[in-house]
Amino acid sequence: MVALLTCAIWALLLFSVPAFAQSSTISMPDNAHAKNYGDGWECDLGYRVEGDTCVDVVIPQNAYPTNRVYGTGWKCFHGFRETGDAVCAEVVVPVGGFLDPSGERWQCLRGYRKVDDVCQEITLPENAYLANATYGSEWLCNRGFEDVGDACSLIAVPTNAYLNASGYGQPWTCERGFVEQDGTCEAVAIPMNAYFDDATYGKGWKCERGYSASGDRCEAIDMPANAHLDRSGNRWECHRNFRKSKGQCVPNY
């Protein structure tokens, strides 16, 4: 009795498996295949889901299917660009240009500028070189020259001066010991008890410690009682607990 029941169960299983397989096969439409993971199916490349079927995707010339469920379902080849009428038009690269990595646009080579649909060669003036900036001037003047209109003119450096690296203002700087006066570099006249000071402002010299400037001279500081030189060394101030009054240091009480 047990053997008979076992045979009956095996027979039932053998007949039911094909039925399930057949049902699964029938549920998958044409131009589809089972998903690589999970349950269900997906359309073959070049087809897309429409209801319970896979319909053909119309792919224009110079394009390839993407098998995406959204968008057009196709994309233009590298070097072609999609137009509004679902056409892949070739990207025409002008002389002096190159196709950029996107494959949909072009850019001009170094030494060229984009003018409408062409790459126009940049004309360099004498004593100039191409700039690397993406905006602003397309070229810069060599060291020792300055941009004057569309040319690079020689910078007139006065005697006792040298070219500086500043991109604005005066292109030259006076040598140490000289100061600018009306476009020239004049020697600094340093009075007695003073030393040269290369600050960009002032007279070009400073008085030694214990002296103060008076016109073009350095005079000794006459300190009153209860006073000392301040941090600069060119002025005096009263000791603690004293205050300045009429040139003297009087008690602060």
Protein backbone atom coordinates (compact mmCIF):
# COMPACT_ATOMS: atom_id res chain seq x y z
CA MET A 1 0.00 0.00 0.00
CA VAL A 2 2.82 2.41 0.90
CA ALA A 3 4.69 1.56 -2.32
CA LEU A 4 1.57 2.23 -4.36
CA LEU A 5 1.08 5.65 -2.70
CA THR A 6 4.74 6.58 -3.35
CA CYS A 7 4.46 5.74 -7.03
CA ALA A 8 1.34 7.85 -7.30
CA ILE A 9 3.12 10.91 -5.83
CA TRP A 10 6.11 10.51 -8.19
CA ALA A 11 3.78 10.22 -11.16
CA LEU A 12 2.00 13.41 -10.12
CA LEU A 13 5.29 15.29 -9.84
CA LEU A 14 6.52 14.08 -13.22
CA PHE A 15 3.39 15.28 -14.96
CA SER A 16 3.21 18.64 -13.10
CA VAL A 17 6.81 19.85 -13.75
CA PRO A 18 6.46 20.19 -17.54
CA ALA A 19 3.17 21.95 -16.99
CA PHE A 20 4.85 24.60 -14.79
CA ALA A 21 7.75 24.98 -17.22
CA GLN A 22 5.37 25.28 -20.13
CA SER A 23 3.36 27.92 -18.24
CA SER A 24 6.56 29.90 -17.50
CA THR A 25 7.66 29.65 -21.14
CA ILE A 26 4.30 30.77 -22.45
CA SER A 27 4.31 33.88 -20.15
CA MET A 28 7.52 35.21 -21.76
CA PRO A 29 6.85 37.19 -24.98
CA ASP A 30 8.87 37.06 -28.18
CA ASN A 31 12.18 38.96 -28.28
CA ALA A 32 12.64 38.56 -24.52
CA HIS A 33 14.78 36.54 -22.16
CA ALA A 34 14.83 35.62 -18.49
CA LYS A 35 16.53 38.10 -16.21
CA ASN A 36 20.03 37.25 -15.10
CA TYR A 37 18.94 37.74 -11.51
CA GLY A 38 15.55 37.73 -9.83
CA ASP A 39 12.26 36.60 -11.38
CA GLY A 40 10.62 37.62 -14.60
CA TRP A 41 11.94 38.56 -18.03
CA GLU A 42 13.29 41.53 -19.94
CA CYS A 43 13.35 42.49 -23.58
CA ASP A 44 16.26 41.65 -25.85
CA LEU A 45 18.64 44.41 -26.97
CA GLY A 46 16.88 46.56 -29.57
CA TYR A 47 13.43 45.98 -28.05
CA ARG A 48 11.48 47.62 -25.25
CA VAL A 49 8.51 46.72 -23.07
CA GLU A 50 5.05 47.76 -24.24
CA GLY A 51 2.41 46.14 -22.07
CA ASP A 52 3.15 42.41 -22.01
CA THR A 53 5.15 42.43 -25.25
CA CYS A 54 8.56 43.52 -26.54
CA VAL A 55 8.29 45.91 -29.47
CA ASP A 56 11.06 46.83 -31.89
CA VAL A 57 12.99 50.08 -31.16
CA VAL A 58 13.48 52.16 -34.30
CA ILE A 59 17.19 52.95 -34.31
CA PRO A 60 18.41 55.63 -36.73
CA GLN A 61 21.58 55.34 -38.78
CA ASN A 62 24.85 55.86 -36.85
CA ALA A 63 23.24 54.87 -33.54
CA TYR A 64 23.12 51.83 -31.26
CA PRO A 65 20.47 50.42 -28.89
CA THR A 66 20.84 51.12 -25.17
CA ASN A 67 18.20 48.67 -23.83
CA ARG A 68 16.99 51.34 -21.41
CA VAL A 69 13.32 51.45 -20.43
CA TYR A 70 13.30 55.24 -20.60
CA GLY A 71 14.38 57.78 -23.23
CA THR A 72 14.71 57.00 -26.93
CA GLY A 73 16.20 53.56 -26.40
CA TRP A 74 19.22 54.41 -28.55
CA LYS A 75 22.28 56.65 -28.54
CA CYS A 76 24.43 58.13 -31.30
CA PHE A 77 27.87 56.72 -32.06
CA HIS A 78 30.96 58.66 -30.92
CA GLY A 79 31.44 61.51 -33.39
CA PHE A 80 27.72 61.95 -34.03
CA ARG A 81 25.16 64.18 -32.31
CA GLU A 82 21.41 63.68 -31.91
CA THR A 83 19.28 66.31 -33.64
CA GLY A 84 15.70 67.26 -32.89
CA ASP A 85 14.31 65.04 -35.65
CA ALA A 86 15.75 61.81 -34.15
CA VAL A 87 18.73 61.76 -36.48
CA CYS A 88 22.39 61.22 -35.63
CA ALA A 89 24.28 63.93 -37.50
CA GLU A 90 28.05 63.77 -37.87
CA VAL A 91 30.02 66.29 -35.81
CA VAL A 92 32.01 68.24 -38.38
CA VAL A 93 35.36 69.27 -36.89
CA PRO A 94 36.91 72.32 -38.60
CA VAL A 95 40.59 72.73 -39.44
CA GLY A 96 42.49 73.60 -36.26
CA GLY A 97 39.98 71.79 -34.05
CA PHE A 98 39.48 68.41 -32.38
CA LEU A 99 36.59 66.25 -31.22
CA ASP A 100 36.28 66.48 -27.44
CA PRO A 101 35.94 63.34 -25.25
CA SER A 102 32.12 63.52 -25.24
CA GLY A 103 32.14 62.77 -28.97
CA GLU A 104 29.35 65.32 -29.44
CA ARG A 105 31.26 68.61 -29.58
CA TRP A 106 34.53 70.04 -30.86
CA GLN A 107 37.07 72.48 -29.50
CA CYS A 108 39.88 74.48 -31.03
CA LEU A 109 43.52 73.46 -30.69
CA ARG A 110 46.00 75.60 -28.78
CA GLY A 111 46.89 78.57 -30.95
CA TYR A 112 43.38 78.86 -32.38
CA ARG A 113 40.22 80.67 -31.30
CA LYS A 114 36.61 79.64 -31.96
CA VAL A 115 34.81 82.01 -34.33
CA ASP A 116 31.31 80.75 -35.21
CA ASP A 117 31.86 77.33 -36.84
CA VAL A 118 35.59 77.62 -37.56
CA CYS A 119 38.88 77.72 -35.64
CA GLN A 120 40.78 80.89 -36.46
CA GLU A 121 44.54 80.87 -35.96
CA ILE A 122 45.78 83.40 -33.38
CA THR A 123 48.29 85.86 -34.78
CA LEU A 124 51.09 86.50 -32.29
CA PRO A 125 52.83 89.87 -32.33
CA GLU A 126 56.60 89.97 -32.15
CA ASN A 127 58.06 89.30 -28.68
CA ALA A 128 54.89 87.54 -27.46
CA TYR A 129 53.80 84.01 -26.54
CA LEU A 130 50.48 82.17 -26.25
CA ALA A 131 48.73 82.50 -22.89
CA ASN A 132 47.34 79.43 -21.10
CA ALA A 133 44.33 81.28 -19.68
CA THR A 134 40.85 80.17 -20.79
CA TYR A 135 39.69 83.79 -20.71
CA GLY A 136 41.24 87.22 -21.08
CA SER A 137 44.22 87.88 -23.32
CA GLU A 138 45.15 85.16 -25.82
CA TRP A 139 48.82 86.11 -25.67
CA LEU A 140 51.28 87.77 -23.31
CA CYS A 141 54.42 89.77 -23.91
CA ASN A 142 57.85 88.34 -23.22
CA ARG A 143 59.74 89.55 -20.16
CA GLY A 144 61.10 93.03 -20.82
CA PHE A 145 58.16 93.98 -23.05
CA GLU A 146 54.72 95.40 -22.32
CA ASP A 147 51.37 95.20 -24.09
CA VAL A 148 50.69 98.42 -25.99
CA GLY A 149 47.63 98.04 -28.18
CA ASP A 150 48.19 94.96 -30.35
CA ALA A 151 51.97 94.96 -29.99
CA CYS A 152 54.68 94.23 -27.43
CA SER A 153 56.88 97.28 -26.86
CA LEU A 154 60.23 97.27 -25.13
CA ILE A 155 60.06 98.51 -21.53
CA ALA A 156 62.36 101.47 -20.94
CA VAL A 157 64.12 100.65 -17.67
CA PRO A 158 65.93 103.68 -16.20
CA THR A 159 69.48 103.59 -14.88
CA ASN A 160 69.82 102.02 -11.44
CA ALA A 161 66.58 100.03 -11.87
CA TYR A 162 65.57 96.46 -12.74
CA LEU A 163 62.49 94.69 -14.14
CA ASN A 164 60.10 93.36 -11.52
CA ALA A 165 57.58 90.52 -11.70
CA SER A 166 54.51 92.64 -11.04
CA GLY A 167 51.62 92.15 -13.44
CA TYR A 168 50.35 95.67 -12.84
CA GLY A 169 51.69 99.12 -12.03
CA GLN A 170 55.30 100.12 -12.60
CA PRO A 171 57.14 97.28 -14.42
CA TRP A 172 60.49 98.23 -12.89
CA THR A 173 61.90 98.88 -9.43
CA CYS A 174 64.79 101.06 -8.33
CA GLU A 175 67.92 99.34 -7.06
CA ARG A 176 68.67 99.36 -3.36
CA GLY A 177 69.89 102.79 -2.32
CA PHE A 178 67.80 104.56 -4.97
CA VAL A 179 64.27 105.96 -4.97
CA GLU A 180 61.92 106.74 -7.85
CA GLN A 181 61.59 110.41 -8.78
CA ASP A 182 59.72 111.44 -11.94
CA GLY A 183 60.40 108.19 -13.79
CA THR A 184 64.06 107.97 -12.77
CA CYS A 185 65.98 106.36 -9.92
CA GLU A 186 67.83 108.90 -7.81
CA ALA A 187 70.38 108.02 -5.12
CA VAL A 188 69.08 108.35 -1.56
CA ALA A 189 70.87 111.11 0.34
CA ILE A 190 71.33 109.60 3.81
CA PRO A 191 72.07 112.15 6.53
CA MET A 192 74.42 111.60 9.44
CA ASN A 193 73.13 109.29 12.19
CA ALA A 194 70.75 107.57 9.73
CA TYR A 195 70.63 104.38 7.68
CA PHE A 196 69.03 103.30 4.39
CA ASP A 197 65.42 102.08 4.61
CA ASP A 198 63.99 100.17 1.62
CA ALA A 199 60.33 100.70 2.57
CA THR A 200 58.09 101.58 -0.38
CA TYR A 201 57.09 104.79 1.35
CA GLY A 202 58.94 107.46 3.34
CA LYS A 203 62.22 109.25 2.67
CA GLY A 204 64.35 106.18 1.99
CA TRP A 205 66.19 106.44 5.33
CA LYS A 206 65.58 106.24 9.06
CA CYS A 207 67.33 107.80 12.00
CA GLU A 208 69.50 105.68 14.26
CA ARG A 209 68.22 104.83 17.73
CA GLY A 210 68.37 107.88 19.97
CA TYR A 211 67.79 110.29 17.08
CA SER A 212 64.63 111.70 15.52
CA ALA A 213 64.03 113.07 12.02
CA SER A 214 63.88 116.82 11.63
CA GLY A 215 63.56 117.77 7.98
CA ASP A 216 66.52 116.17 6.20
CA ARG A 217 68.52 115.65 9.39
CA CYS A 218 68.63 113.33 12.38
CA GLU A 219 68.86 115.21 15.67
CA ALA A 220 69.72 113.68 19.02
CA ILE A 221 66.71 113.15 21.27
CA ASP A 222 66.82 115.29 24.41
CA MET A 223 65.00 113.21 27.00
CA PRO A 224 63.68 114.72 30.26
CA ALA A 225 64.10 113.05 33.63
CA ASN A 226 62.01 109.92 34.27
CA ALA A 227 61.77 109.12 30.54
CA HIS A 228 63.13 106.43 28.20
CA LEU A 229 63.22 105.69 24.46
CA ASP A 230 60.15 103.87 23.14
CA ARG A 231 60.21 100.69 21.04
CA SER A 232 60.98 102.58 17.80
CA GLY A 233 64.05 104.17 19.40
CA ASN A 234 63.19 107.50 17.75
CA ARG A 235 60.82 108.89 20.42
CA TRP A 236 60.66 109.01 24.19
CA GLU A 237 57.97 108.17 26.69
CA CYS A 238 57.59 108.56 30.42
CA HIS A 239 58.34 105.81 32.92
CA ARG A 240 55.47 104.01 34.57
CA ASN A 241 53.60 106.15 37.07
CA PHE A 242 54.69 109.29 35.20
CA ARG A 243 52.90 111.25 32.49
CA LYS A 244 53.96 113.71 29.84
CA SER A 245 53.29 117.37 30.62
CA LYS A 246 54.84 120.31 28.75
CA GLY A 247 57.79 118.26 27.57
CA GLN A 248 58.50 116.81 30.99
CA CYS A 249 57.56 113.63 32.90
CA VAL A 250 55.66 114.48 36.05
CA PRO A 251 54.34 112.08 38.71
CA ASN A 252 51.00 110.53 37.85
CA TYR A 253 49.39 111.34 41.24
